[in-house]
Amino acid sequence: MRAISYTRPTDVTTAVRAVTSDPGSSYLAGGTTEVDLLRLDVLRPHRLVDINRLPLAGIEDYPDGGLLIGALARMSEVAEAPAVVQRFPMLSQALLLGASAQLRNMASMGGNLMQRVRCAYYRDPESACNKRVPGSGCSALEGAHRGHAILGTSDHCIATHPSDMAVALVALDAVVHVEGAHGSRGIPVDDFFLLPEDTPEREHPLTPGELITAIEVPPAPVARSSLYLKVRDRESYEFALASAAAALALEDGVIREVRLALGGVATKPWRAHRAEDLLVGRRAEADAFARAAGAELAPAVTRPMNAFKAELARRTIVRALQTAAAQGGGPV
């Protein structure tokens, strides 16, 4: 047994100071992932700074149609908030599909952004994992990798990012607000998740001790008819094999605006910029959706066990866009 000290601050400044001054400390929110990793001896902090008493659980409704969601707001609360359901259904759906009811009642929004990868080798201290021990290798490259990524991979890591919620937030151009020893700043959510490249152990651009305080979702009228489509091995609580957050704005059947992000297939929540660029100005038809999906997946690097994901992701994109077009009144 390892001794772990515990403190529960009541204000952000004290919490940030506690972790910044002691690199061996770790923030604790809902604990739905962190506690498991502590038990597995994957994470080894010598102090937990419990942030659940910090005033960061609110959901603020902006007059312009945007939202400011506190980092400690629970997933279940945000999924059911009327403003989220009405203006950003893709986010509500992603939250509901992202975990069991029990986990949604405990897991925080900020904690969800910080959850670690779903990779059996990362969770096994006896296996080689560059995220856990930089330079040790990646057992997934030659091991069991059916659920692993085909986009954004490197020779050092192919682990898939696990969050559903983050996929919707990337499609919505959300901003992650953080507080640190040198003040506060906002990080576009697409920049908040780093590709593994040569440093897979560094997943976020946070400096030591920086704390997520809120998630800002800017107004996006196109998102009112959005959806989150998740394909998985079973309908009950399970991680995505492929998923898509999609929204379209149509004018006489022509796509004027599109939002598309992918989950389950990449090392980070994947904004489908290639597909978006190809779709704007095109008619909302299956052929256009298929061409856009093919272009987005062209850089995919598959391996024997996960090669099926390329076709699955393509079909998921097409189906999501068809459904979004139908919701927006466009031809499919």
C-alpha atoms as a PDB file:
ATOM      1  CA  MET A   1       0.000   0.000   0.000  1.00  0.00           C
ATOM      2  CA  ARG A   2       1.196   3.513  -0.815  1.00  0.00           C
ATOM      3  CA  ALA A   3       0.354   6.446   1.412  1.00  0.00           C
ATOM      4  CA  ILE A   4      -1.608   9.190  -0.383  1.00  0.00           C
ATOM      5  CA  SER A   5      -2.379  12.470   1.344  1.00  0.00           C
ATOM      6  CA  TYR A   6      -5.619  14.286   0.690  1.00  0.00           C
ATOM      7  CA  THR A   7      -6.771  17.892   0.791  1.00  0.00           C
ATOM      8  CA  ARG A   8     -10.067  19.567  -0.121  1.00  0.00           C
ATOM      9  CA  PRO A   9      -9.714  23.299  -0.910  1.00  0.00           C
ATOM     10  CA  THR A  10     -12.728  25.550  -1.257  1.00  0.00           C
ATOM     11  CA  ASP A  11     -11.401  28.101  -3.748  1.00  0.00           C
ATOM     12  CA  VAL A  12      -9.658  27.887  -7.104  1.00  0.00           C
ATOM     13  CA  THR A  13      -6.558  29.838  -6.076  1.00  0.00           C
ATOM     14  CA  THR A  14      -5.787  27.487  -3.196  1.00  0.00           C
ATOM     15  CA  ALA A  15      -6.355  24.412  -5.354  1.00  0.00           C
ATOM     16  CA  VAL A  16      -4.071  25.678  -8.116  1.00  0.00           C
ATOM     17  CA  ARG A  17      -1.392  26.662  -5.636  1.00  0.00           C
ATOM     18  CA  ALA A  18      -1.515  23.214  -4.008  1.00  0.00           C
ATOM     19  CA  VAL A  19      -0.882  21.333  -7.251  1.00  0.00           C
ATOM     20  CA  THR A  20       1.500  23.875  -8.775  1.00  0.00           C
ATOM     21  CA  SER A  21       3.762  23.809  -5.719  1.00  0.00           C
ATOM     22  CA  ASP A  22       3.804  20.016  -5.559  1.00  0.00           C
ATOM     23  CA  PRO A  23       4.243  18.205  -8.910  1.00  0.00           C
ATOM     24  CA  GLY A  24       3.344  14.920  -7.230  1.00  0.00           C
ATOM     25  CA  SER A  25      -0.198  16.130  -6.638  1.00  0.00           C
ATOM     26  CA  SER A  26      -3.235  15.430  -8.772  1.00  0.00           C
ATOM     27  CA  TYR A  27      -6.694  16.969  -9.012  1.00  0.00           C
ATOM     28  CA  LEU A  28      -9.633  14.735  -8.091  1.00  0.00           C
ATOM     29  CA  ALA A  29     -13.128  15.466  -9.415  1.00  0.00           C
ATOM     30  CA  GLY A  30     -15.653  12.682 -10.076  1.00  0.00           C
ATOM     31  CA  GLY A  31     -12.899  10.077  -9.952  1.00  0.00           C
ATOM     32  CA  THR A  32     -14.657   7.713 -12.356  1.00  0.00           C
ATOM     33  CA  THR A  33     -11.428   7.085 -14.294  1.00  0.00           C
ATOM     34  CA  GLU A  34      -8.733   8.317 -11.930  1.00  0.00           C
ATOM     35  CA  VAL A  35      -9.652   6.060  -9.020  1.00  0.00           C
ATOM     36  CA  ASP A  36      -9.516   3.006 -11.304  1.00  0.00           C
ATOM     37  CA  LEU A  37      -6.054   3.984 -12.516  1.00  0.00           C
ATOM     38  CA  LEU A  38      -4.881   4.516  -8.937  1.00  0.00           C
ATOM     39  CA  ARG A  39      -6.029   1.019  -8.030  1.00  0.00           C
ATOM     40  CA  LEU A  40      -4.249  -0.412 -11.062  1.00  0.00           C
ATOM     41  CA  ASP A  41      -1.037   1.387 -10.025  1.00  0.00           C
ATOM     42  CA  VAL A  42      -0.970   3.237 -13.351  1.00  0.00           C
ATOM     43  CA  LEU A  43      -1.225   6.651 -11.705  1.00  0.00           C
ATOM     44  CA  ARG A  44       0.927   7.226  -8.621  1.00  0.00           C
ATOM     45  CA  PRO A  45       0.266  10.679  -7.109  1.00  0.00           C
ATOM     46  CA  HIS A  46       1.286  11.143  -3.499  1.00  0.00           C
ATOM     47  CA  ARG A  47      -1.429  13.723  -2.896  1.00  0.00           C
ATOM     48  CA  LEU A  48      -4.988  14.159  -4.173  1.00  0.00           C
ATOM     49  CA  VAL A  49      -6.455  17.642  -4.277  1.00  0.00           C
ATOM     50  CA  ASP A  50     -10.227  17.168  -4.180  1.00  0.00           C
ATOM     51  CA  ILE A  51     -11.824  20.036  -6.117  1.00  0.00           C
ATOM     52  CA  ASN A  52     -15.475  19.127  -5.601  1.00  0.00           C
ATOM     53  CA  ARG A  53     -16.075  22.042  -3.210  1.00  0.00           C
ATOM     54  CA  LEU A  54     -14.950  24.621  -5.758  1.00  0.00           C
ATOM     55  CA  PRO A  55     -17.724  26.850  -7.182  1.00  0.00           C
ATOM     56  CA  LEU A  56     -17.428  25.467 -10.705  1.00  0.00           C
ATOM     57  CA  ALA A  57     -20.648  23.505 -11.196  1.00  0.00           C
ATOM     58  CA  GLY A  58     -22.939  26.088 -12.798  1.00  0.00           C
ATOM     59  CA  ILE A  59     -24.378  26.291 -16.306  1.00  0.00           C
ATOM     60  CA  GLU A  60     -24.642  29.890 -17.508  1.00  0.00           C
ATOM     61  CA  ASP A  61     -26.972  30.693 -20.389  1.00  0.00           C
ATOM     62  CA  TYR A  62     -25.649  33.579 -22.498  1.00  0.00           C
ATOM     63  CA  PRO A  63     -28.066  36.006 -24.210  1.00  0.00           C
ATOM     64  CA  ASP A  64     -26.386  35.416 -27.585  1.00  0.00           C
ATOM     65  CA  GLY A  65     -27.210  31.706 -27.458  1.00  0.00           C
ATOM     66  CA  GLY A  66     -23.905  30.433 -26.104  1.00  0.00           C
ATOM     67  CA  LEU A  67     -23.248  28.597 -22.851  1.00  0.00           C
ATOM     68  CA  LEU A  68     -20.631  28.572 -20.138  1.00  0.00           C
ATOM     69  CA  ILE A  69     -20.502  25.164 -18.475  1.00  0.00           C
ATOM     70  CA  GLY A  70     -18.637  24.825 -15.199  1.00  0.00           C
ATOM     71  CA  ALA A  71     -15.902  22.213 -15.112  1.00  0.00           C
ATOM     72  CA  LEU A  72     -17.567  20.459 -12.152  1.00  0.00           C
ATOM     73  CA  ALA A  73     -21.026  20.301 -13.716  1.00  0.00           C
ATOM     74  CA  ARG A  74     -21.969  16.629 -13.894  1.00  0.00           C
ATOM     75  CA  MET A  75     -22.488  14.981 -17.255  1.00  0.00           C
ATOM     76  CA  SER A  76     -26.066  14.017 -16.433  1.00  0.00           C
ATOM     77  CA  GLU A  77     -26.973  17.579 -15.456  1.00  0.00           C
ATOM     78  CA  VAL A  78     -25.542  19.062 -18.646  1.00  0.00           C
ATOM     79  CA  ALA A  79     -27.138  16.411 -20.865  1.00  0.00           C
ATOM     80  CA  GLU A  80     -30.575  17.302 -19.498  1.00  0.00           C
ATOM     81  CA  ALA A  81     -30.187  21.100 -19.391  1.00  0.00           C
ATOM     82  CA  PRO A  82     -32.907  22.620 -21.632  1.00  0.00           C
ATOM     83  CA  ALA A  83     -30.456  24.988 -23.357  1.00  0.00           C
ATOM     84  CA  VAL A  84     -28.185  22.072 -24.279  1.00  0.00           C
ATOM     85  CA  VAL A  85     -31.028  19.859 -25.491  1.00  0.00           C
ATOM     86  CA  GLN A  86     -32.569  22.623 -27.610  1.00  0.00           C
ATOM     87  CA  ARG A  87     -29.499  24.404 -29.004  1.00  0.00           C
ATOM     88  CA  PHE A  88     -26.813  21.711 -28.993  1.00  0.00           C
ATOM     89  CA  PRO A  89     -28.510  18.302 -29.252  1.00  0.00           C
ATOM     90  CA  MET A  90     -25.282  16.688 -30.466  1.00  0.00           C
ATOM     91  CA  LEU A  91     -23.721  17.513 -27.100  1.00  0.00           C
ATOM     92  CA  SER A  92     -26.687  16.210 -25.110  1.00  0.00           C
ATOM     93  CA  GLN A  93     -26.713  12.974 -27.109  1.00  0.00           C
ATOM     94  CA  ALA A  94     -22.946  12.500 -26.803  1.00  0.00           C
ATOM     95  CA  LEU A  95     -23.174  12.872 -23.035  1.00  0.00           C
ATOM     96  CA  LEU A  96     -26.048  10.393 -22.750  1.00  0.00           C
ATOM     97  CA  LEU A  97     -24.262   7.866 -24.959  1.00  0.00           C
ATOM     98  CA  GLY A  98     -20.903   8.394 -23.265  1.00  0.00           C
ATOM     99  CA  ALA A  99     -21.429   6.542 -20.003  1.00  0.00           C
ATOM    100  CA  SER A 100     -23.868   4.626 -17.844  1.00  0.00           C
ATOM    101  CA  ALA A 101     -26.367   6.597 -15.759  1.00  0.00           C
ATOM    102  CA  GLN A 102     -24.360   5.966 -12.597  1.00  0.00           C
ATOM    103  CA  LEU A 103     -21.161   7.294 -14.158  1.00  0.00           C
ATOM    104  CA  ARG A 104     -22.919  10.317 -15.677  1.00  0.00           C
ATOM    105  CA  ASN A 105     -24.150  11.280 -12.214  1.00  0.00           C
ATOM    106  CA  MET A 106     -20.571  11.309 -10.893  1.00  0.00           C
ATOM    107  CA  ALA A 107     -18.374  12.303 -13.835  1.00  0.00           C
ATOM    108  CA  SER A 108     -17.586  15.993 -14.307  1.00  0.00           C
ATOM    109  CA  MET A 109     -17.294  17.866 -17.579  1.00  0.00           C
ATOM    110  CA  GLY A 110     -13.703  18.881 -16.924  1.00  0.00           C
ATOM    111  CA  GLY A 111     -12.786  15.386 -15.809  1.00  0.00           C
ATOM    112  CA  ASN A 112     -14.228  13.942 -18.991  1.00  0.00           C
ATOM    113  CA  LEU A 113     -11.876  16.122 -21.035  1.00  0.00           C
ATOM    114  CA  MET A 114      -8.943  14.881 -18.971  1.00  0.00           C
ATOM    115  CA  GLN A 115      -9.767  11.165 -19.000  1.00  0.00           C
ATOM    116  CA  ARG A 116      -6.979   8.873 -20.094  1.00  0.00           C
ATOM    117  CA  VAL A 117      -6.948   6.676 -23.166  1.00  0.00           C
ATOM    118  CA  ARG A 118      -8.816   3.424 -23.492  1.00  0.00           C
ATOM    119  CA  CYS A 119      -5.910   1.058 -24.102  1.00  0.00           C
ATOM    120  CA  ALA A 120      -5.356  -2.187 -22.233  1.00  0.00           C
ATOM    121  CA  TYR A 121      -1.589  -1.754 -22.502  1.00  0.00           C
ATOM    122  CA  TYR A 122      -1.710   1.683 -20.917  1.00  0.00           C
ATOM    123  CA  ARG A 123      -3.708   0.205 -18.026  1.00  0.00           C
ATOM    124  CA  ASP A 124      -1.284  -2.685 -17.549  1.00  0.00           C
ATOM    125  CA  PRO A 125       1.884  -1.586 -15.727  1.00  0.00           C
ATOM    126  CA  GLU A 126       3.703  -4.662 -17.049  1.00  0.00           C
ATOM    127  CA  SER A 127       3.186  -3.717 -20.717  1.00  0.00           C
ATOM    128  CA  ALA A 128       5.228  -1.300 -22.780  1.00  0.00           C
ATOM    129  CA  CYS A 129       3.420   2.018 -23.155  1.00  0.00           C
ATOM    130  CA  ASN A 130       4.966   5.301 -24.230  1.00  0.00           C
ATOM    131  CA  LYS A 131       2.155   7.268 -22.605  1.00  0.00           C
ATOM    132  CA  ARG A 132       2.818   5.721 -19.220  1.00  0.00           C
ATOM    133  CA  VAL A 133       6.604   5.333 -19.502  1.00  0.00           C
ATOM    134  CA  PRO A 134       8.046   7.478 -22.321  1.00  0.00           C
ATOM    135  CA  GLY A 135      10.479   5.535 -24.464  1.00  0.00           C
ATOM    136  CA  SER A 136       9.305   2.102 -23.336  1.00  0.00           C
ATOM    137  CA  GLY A 137       7.570   1.285 -26.621  1.00  0.00           C
ATOM    138  CA  CYS A 138       3.985   0.612 -27.681  1.00  0.00           C
ATOM    139  CA  SER A 139       2.688  -2.921 -27.193  1.00  0.00           C
ATOM    140  CA  ALA A 140      -0.442  -2.165 -29.213  1.00  0.00           C
ATOM    141  CA  LEU A 141       1.508  -1.836 -32.469  1.00  0.00           C
ATOM    142  CA  GLU A 142       2.028  -5.603 -32.641  1.00  0.00           C
ATOM    143  CA  GLY A 143      -0.574  -6.607 -30.080  1.00  0.00           C
ATOM    144  CA  ALA A 144      -4.352  -6.448 -29.802  1.00  0.00           C
ATOM    145  CA  HIS A 145      -5.375  -3.208 -31.504  1.00  0.00           C
ATOM    146  CA  ARG A 146      -8.926  -3.783 -32.792  1.00  0.00           C
ATOM    147  CA  GLY A 147     -10.233  -0.718 -30.958  1.00  0.00           C
ATOM    148  CA  HIS A 148      -7.278   1.507 -31.705  1.00  0.00           C
ATOM    149  CA  ALA A 149      -6.931   4.581 -33.899  1.00  0.00           C
ATOM    150  CA  ILE A 150      -6.475   4.870 -37.643  1.00  0.00           C
ATOM    151  CA  LEU A 151      -6.172   8.688 -37.797  1.00  0.00           C
ATOM    152  CA  GLY A 152      -3.602  10.878 -36.056  1.00  0.00           C
ATOM    153  CA  THR A 153      -1.397   7.957 -35.070  1.00  0.00           C
ATOM    154  CA  SER A 154       2.377   7.819 -34.774  1.00  0.00           C
ATOM    155  CA  ASP A 155       5.032   5.144 -34.404  1.00  0.00           C
ATOM    156  CA  HIS A 156       4.866   5.802 -30.664  1.00  0.00           C
ATOM    157  CA  CYS A 157       1.124   5.518 -29.962  1.00  0.00           C
ATOM    158  CA  ILE A 158      -2.122   4.406 -31.636  1.00  0.00           C
ATOM    159  CA  ALA A 159      -4.450   4.676 -28.647  1.00  0.00           C
ATOM    160  CA  THR A 160      -7.941   5.992 -29.410  1.00  0.00           C
ATOM    161  CA  HIS A 161      -9.265   8.986 -27.523  1.00  0.00           C
ATOM    162  CA  PRO A 162     -12.224   7.717 -25.460  1.00  0.00           C
ATOM    163  CA  SER A 163     -14.473  10.751 -24.964  1.00  0.00           C
ATOM    164  CA  ASP A 164     -17.803  11.105 -26.781  1.00  0.00           C
ATOM    165  CA  MET A 165     -18.538  14.504 -25.283  1.00  0.00           C
ATOM    166  CA  ALA A 166     -15.263  15.948 -26.572  1.00  0.00           C
ATOM    167  CA  VAL A 167     -16.181  14.998 -30.151  1.00  0.00           C
ATOM    168  CA  ALA A 168     -19.309  17.162 -29.962  1.00  0.00           C
ATOM    169  CA  LEU A 169     -17.381  19.999 -28.330  1.00  0.00           C
ATOM    170  CA  VAL A 170     -14.802  19.947 -31.134  1.00  0.00           C
ATOM    171  CA  ALA A 171     -17.585  20.186 -33.713  1.00  0.00           C
ATOM    172  CA  LEU A 172     -19.040  23.125 -31.762  1.00  0.00           C
ATOM    173  CA  ASP A 173     -15.742  25.086 -31.583  1.00  0.00           C
ATOM    174  CA  ALA A 174     -15.862  25.115 -27.796  1.00  0.00           C
ATOM    175  CA  VAL A 175     -13.207  26.839 -25.700  1.00  0.00           C
ATOM    176  CA  VAL A 176     -11.671  25.319 -22.575  1.00  0.00           C
ATOM    177  CA  HIS A 177     -11.049  27.875 -19.814  1.00  0.00           C
ATOM    178  CA  VAL A 178      -8.203  27.124 -17.433  1.00  0.00           C
ATOM    179  CA  GLU A 179      -6.680  28.785 -14.382  1.00  0.00           C
ATOM    180  CA  GLY A 180      -3.029  28.469 -13.441  1.00  0.00           C
ATOM    181  CA  ALA A 181      -0.259  30.070 -11.460  1.00  0.00           C
ATOM    182  CA  HIS A 182       0.109  32.781 -14.121  1.00  0.00           C
ATOM    183  CA  GLY A 183      -3.574  33.564 -14.522  1.00  0.00           C
ATOM    184  CA  SER A 184      -6.411  32.385 -16.724  1.00  0.00           C
ATOM    185  CA  ARG A 185      -6.587  31.623 -20.434  1.00  0.00           C
ATOM    186  CA  GLY A 186      -8.872  30.033 -23.006  1.00  0.00           C
ATOM    187  CA  ILE A 187      -7.780  27.140 -25.228  1.00  0.00           C
ATOM    188  CA  PRO A 188      -9.771  26.194 -28.349  1.00  0.00           C
ATOM    189  CA  VAL A 189     -10.893  22.640 -27.677  1.00  0.00           C
ATOM    190  CA  ASP A 190      -9.374  21.328 -30.909  1.00  0.00           C
ATOM    191  CA  ASP A 191      -6.003  22.590 -29.652  1.00  0.00           C
ATOM    192  CA  PHE A 192      -6.612  21.184 -26.176  1.00  0.00           C
ATOM    193  CA  PHE A 193      -5.964  17.636 -27.417  1.00  0.00           C
ATOM    194  CA  LEU A 194      -2.487  16.947 -28.766  1.00  0.00           C
ATOM    195  CA  LEU A 195      -1.497  14.354 -31.357  1.00  0.00           C
ATOM    196  CA  PRO A 196       0.917  11.719 -29.999  1.00  0.00           C
ATOM    197  CA  GLU A 197       3.711  12.325 -32.544  1.00  0.00           C
ATOM    198  CA  ASP A 198       7.022  11.877 -30.658  1.00  0.00           C
ATOM    199  CA  THR A 199       5.623  12.834 -27.235  1.00  0.00           C
ATOM    200  CA  PRO A 200       2.552  10.655 -26.588  1.00  0.00           C
ATOM    201  CA  GLU A 201       2.855  11.214 -22.842  1.00  0.00           C
ATOM    202  CA  ARG A 202       1.836  14.858 -23.378  1.00  0.00           C
ATOM    203  CA  GLU A 203      -1.872  14.845 -24.158  1.00  0.00           C
ATOM    204  CA  HIS A 204      -2.764  18.480 -23.392  1.00  0.00           C
ATOM    205  CA  PRO A 205      -1.012  21.887 -23.572  1.00  0.00           C
ATOM    206  CA  LEU A 206      -1.577  22.523 -19.872  1.00  0.00           C
ATOM    207  CA  THR A 207       1.228  23.814 -17.699  1.00  0.00           C
ATOM    208  CA  PRO A 208       1.798  22.128 -14.304  1.00  0.00           C
ATOM    209  CA  GLY A 209      -1.074  22.883 -11.943  1.00  0.00           C
ATOM    210  CA  GLU A 210      -3.414  24.433 -14.522  1.00  0.00           C
ATOM    211  CA  LEU A 211      -7.027  23.606 -13.726  1.00  0.00           C
ATOM    212  CA  ILE A 212     -10.000  23.489 -16.083  1.00  0.00           C
ATOM    213  CA  THR A 213     -12.610  25.898 -14.733  1.00  0.00           C
ATOM    214  CA  ALA A 214     -15.217  26.022 -17.502  1.00  0.00           C
ATOM    215  CA  ILE A 215     -16.137  25.051 -21.058  1.00  0.00           C
ATOM    216  CA  GLU A 216     -17.529  27.786 -23.277  1.00  0.00           C
ATOM    217  CA  VAL A 217     -19.805  26.761 -26.134  1.00  0.00           C
ATOM    218  CA  PRO A 218     -20.282  29.660 -28.567  1.00  0.00           C
ATOM    219  CA  PRO A 219     -23.621  30.247 -30.296  1.00  0.00           C
ATOM    220  CA  ALA A 220     -24.144  27.987 -33.302  1.00  0.00           C
ATOM    221  CA  PRO A 221     -27.593  28.105 -34.921  1.00  0.00           C
ATOM    222  CA  VAL A 222     -26.545  25.257 -37.225  1.00  0.00           C
ATOM    223  CA  ALA A 223     -26.321  22.967 -34.184  1.00  0.00           C
ATOM    224  CA  ARG A 224     -30.054  23.117 -33.413  1.00  0.00           C
ATOM    225  CA  SER A 225     -30.621  20.216 -35.824  1.00  0.00           C
ATOM    226  CA  SER A 226     -27.400  18.373 -35.005  1.00  0.00           C
ATOM    227  CA  LEU A 227     -26.908  14.799 -33.872  1.00  0.00           C
ATOM    228  CA  TYR A 228     -24.328  12.433 -32.430  1.00  0.00           C
ATOM    229  CA  LEU A 229     -24.184   8.984 -34.009  1.00  0.00           C
ATOM    230  CA  LYS A 230     -22.265   6.295 -32.143  1.00  0.00           C
ATOM    231  CA  VAL A 231     -21.481   2.818 -33.469  1.00  0.00           C
ATOM    232  CA  ARG A 232     -20.299   0.272 -30.929  1.00  0.00           C
ATOM    233  CA  ASP A 233     -20.197  -3.451 -30.276  1.00  0.00           C
ATOM    234  CA  ARG A 234     -23.273  -3.327 -28.047  1.00  0.00           C
ATOM    235  CA  GLU A 235     -25.983  -0.788 -27.319  1.00  0.00           C
ATOM    236  CA  SER A 236     -25.358  -0.743 -23.574  1.00  0.00           C
ATOM    237  CA  TYR A 237     -22.470   1.268 -22.146  1.00  0.00           C
ATOM    238  CA  GLU A 238     -19.509   0.790 -24.501  1.00  0.00           C
ATOM    239  CA  PHE A 239     -16.825   2.871 -26.176  1.00  0.00           C
ATOM    240  CA  ALA A 240     -17.253   3.880 -29.816  1.00  0.00           C
ATOM    241  CA  LEU A 241     -15.772   1.943 -32.703  1.00  0.00           C
ATOM    242  CA  ALA A 242     -16.721   4.945 -34.820  1.00  0.00           C
ATOM    243  CA  SER A 243     -18.850   7.997 -34.114  1.00  0.00           C
ATOM    244  CA  ALA A 244     -19.779  11.295 -35.733  1.00  0.00           C
ATOM    245  CA  ALA A 245     -21.109  14.621 -34.494  1.00  0.00           C
ATOM    246  CA  ALA A 246     -22.812  16.272 -37.449  1.00  0.00           C
ATOM    247  CA  ALA A 247     -24.811  19.395 -38.266  1.00  0.00           C
ATOM    248  CA  LEU A 248     -25.833  20.942 -41.582  1.00  0.00           C
ATOM    249  CA  ALA A 249     -27.403  24.240 -42.592  1.00  0.00           C
ATOM    250  CA  LEU A 250     -29.173  23.996 -45.948  1.00  0.00           C
ATOM    251  CA  GLU A 251     -30.524  26.513 -48.430  1.00  0.00           C
ATOM    252  CA  ASP A 252     -32.600  25.055 -51.259  1.00  0.00           C
ATOM    253  CA  GLY A 253     -30.886  21.728 -50.701  1.00  0.00           C
ATOM    254  CA  VAL A 254     -27.378  23.224 -50.853  1.00  0.00           C
ATOM    255  CA  ILE A 255     -25.037  22.977 -47.862  1.00  0.00           C
ATOM    256  CA  ARG A 256     -24.218  26.451 -46.555  1.00  0.00           C
ATOM    257  CA  GLU A 257     -22.582  25.379 -43.296  1.00  0.00           C
ATOM    258  CA  VAL A 258     -21.434  22.044 -41.937  1.00  0.00           C
ATOM    259  CA  ARG A 259     -19.961  20.821 -38.678  1.00  0.00           C
ATOM    260  CA  LEU A 260     -18.448  17.344 -38.550  1.00  0.00           C
ATOM    261  CA  ALA A 261     -16.219  15.643 -36.001  1.00  0.00           C
ATOM    262  CA  LEU A 262     -15.306  11.994 -35.508  1.00  0.00           C
ATOM    263  CA  GLY A 263     -14.746   9.768 -32.499  1.00  0.00           C
ATOM    264  CA  GLY A 264     -13.562   6.207 -31.978  1.00  0.00           C
ATOM    265  CA  VAL A 265     -11.117   6.325 -34.900  1.00  0.00           C
ATOM    266  CA  ALA A 266      -8.448   8.872 -33.935  1.00  0.00           C
ATOM    267  CA  THR A 267      -5.929   9.640 -31.223  1.00  0.00           C
ATOM    268  CA  LYS A 268      -7.870  12.830 -30.419  1.00  0.00           C
ATOM    269  CA  PRO A 269     -11.404  14.050 -31.091  1.00  0.00           C
ATOM    270  CA  TRP A 270     -11.125  14.502 -34.850  1.00  0.00           C
ATOM    271  CA  ARG A 271     -12.483  17.586 -36.612  1.00  0.00           C
ATOM    272  CA  ALA A 272     -13.217  16.530 -40.180  1.00  0.00           C
ATOM    273  CA  HIS A 273     -11.892  19.638 -41.928  1.00  0.00           C
ATOM    274  CA  ARG A 274     -11.315  17.925 -45.290  1.00  0.00           C
ATOM    275  CA  ALA A 275     -14.890  16.690 -45.416  1.00  0.00           C
ATOM    276  CA  GLU A 276     -16.309  20.049 -44.331  1.00  0.00           C
ATOM    277  CA  ASP A 277     -14.380  21.917 -47.029  1.00  0.00           C
ATOM    278  CA  LEU A 278     -15.639  19.556 -49.720  1.00  0.00           C
ATOM    279  CA  LEU A 279     -19.274  19.749 -48.606  1.00  0.00           C
ATOM    280  CA  VAL A 280     -19.844  23.498 -48.421  1.00  0.00           C
ATOM    281  CA  GLY A 281     -21.653  24.617 -51.566  1.00  0.00           C
ATOM    282  CA  ARG A 282     -22.578  21.071 -52.587  1.00  0.00           C
ATOM    283  CA  ARG A 283     -26.046  19.570 -52.640  1.00  0.00           C
ATOM    284  CA  ALA A 284     -26.915  17.489 -49.585  1.00  0.00           C
ATOM    285  CA  GLU A 285     -26.861  14.162 -51.371  1.00  0.00           C
ATOM    286  CA  ALA A 286     -25.448  10.751 -50.565  1.00  0.00           C
ATOM    287  CA  ASP A 287     -22.771  10.906 -53.297  1.00  0.00           C
ATOM    288  CA  ALA A 288     -21.373  14.155 -51.917  1.00  0.00           C
ATOM    289  CA  PHE A 289     -21.376  12.727 -48.392  1.00  0.00           C
ATOM    290  CA  ALA A 290     -19.551   9.601 -49.561  1.00  0.00           C
ATOM    291  CA  ARG A 291     -16.878  11.594 -51.419  1.00  0.00           C
ATOM    292  CA  ALA A 292     -16.310  13.809 -48.398  1.00  0.00           C
ATOM    293  CA  ALA A 293     -16.051  10.795 -46.098  1.00  0.00           C
ATOM    294  CA  GLY A 294     -13.556   9.144 -48.422  1.00  0.00           C
ATOM    295  CA  ALA A 295     -11.385  12.250 -48.507  1.00  0.00           C
ATOM    296  CA  GLU A 296     -11.391  12.551 -44.720  1.00  0.00           C
ATOM    297  CA  LEU A 297     -10.335   8.934 -44.276  1.00  0.00           C
ATOM    298  CA  ALA A 298      -7.738   8.910 -47.071  1.00  0.00           C
ATOM    299  CA  PRO A 299      -4.818   9.476 -44.623  1.00  0.00           C
ATOM    300  CA  ALA A 300      -5.947   6.610 -42.367  1.00  0.00           C
ATOM    301  CA  VAL A 301      -3.249   4.148 -41.321  1.00  0.00           C
ATOM    302  CA  THR A 302      -4.832   0.780 -40.625  1.00  0.00           C
ATOM    303  CA  ARG A 303      -3.452  -2.403 -39.127  1.00  0.00           C
ATOM    304  CA  PRO A 304      -4.670  -5.990 -39.449  1.00  0.00           C
ATOM    305  CA  MET A 305      -7.141  -5.912 -36.553  1.00  0.00           C
ATOM    306  CA  ASN A 306      -8.574  -2.417 -37.031  1.00  0.00           C
ATOM    307  CA  ALA A 307      -8.683  -2.141 -40.838  1.00  0.00           C
ATOM    308  CA  PHE A 308     -12.482  -2.506 -40.693  1.00  0.00           C
ATOM    309  CA  LYS A 309     -12.690   0.906 -39.013  1.00  0.00           C
ATOM    310  CA  ALA A 310     -11.995   2.765 -42.258  1.00  0.00           C
ATOM    311  CA  GLU A 311     -15.149   1.469 -43.914  1.00  0.00           C
ATOM    312  CA  LEU A 312     -17.139   1.667 -40.689  1.00  0.00           C
ATOM    313  CA  ALA A 313     -16.145   5.299 -40.216  1.00  0.00           C
ATOM    314  CA  ARG A 314     -17.021   6.122 -43.815  1.00  0.00           C
ATOM    315  CA  ARG A 315     -20.498   4.666 -43.400  1.00  0.00           C
ATOM    316  CA  THR A 316     -20.933   6.402 -40.062  1.00  0.00           C
ATOM    317  CA  ILE A 317     -20.117   9.784 -41.627  1.00  0.00           C
ATOM    318  CA  VAL A 318     -22.541   9.258 -44.510  1.00  0.00           C
ATOM    319  CA  ARG A 319     -25.342   8.113 -42.236  1.00  0.00           C
ATOM    320  CA  ALA A 320     -24.814  10.997 -39.801  1.00  0.00           C
ATOM    321  CA  LEU A 321     -24.836  13.574 -42.598  1.00  0.00           C
ATOM    322  CA  GLN A 322     -27.920  12.034 -44.208  1.00  0.00           C
ATOM    323  CA  THR A 323     -29.745  12.174 -40.893  1.00  0.00           C
ATOM    324  CA  ALA A 324     -28.638  15.751 -40.267  1.00  0.00           C
ATOM    325  CA  ALA A 325     -29.801  16.757 -43.752  1.00  0.00           C
ATOM    326  CA  ALA A 326     -33.182  15.139 -43.181  1.00  0.00           C
ATOM    327  CA  GLN A 327     -33.556  16.982 -39.889  1.00  0.00           C
ATOM    328  CA  GLY A 328     -32.758  20.223 -41.665  1.00  0.00           C
ATOM    329  CA  GLY A 329     -35.282  19.601 -44.398  1.00  0.00           C
ATOM    330  CA  GLY A 330     -32.751  18.967 -47.190  1.00  0.00           C
ATOM    331  CA  PRO A 331     -32.851  16.160 -49.792  1.00  0.00           C
ATOM    332  CA  VAL A 332     -30.902  12.986 -49.017  1.00  0.00           C
END
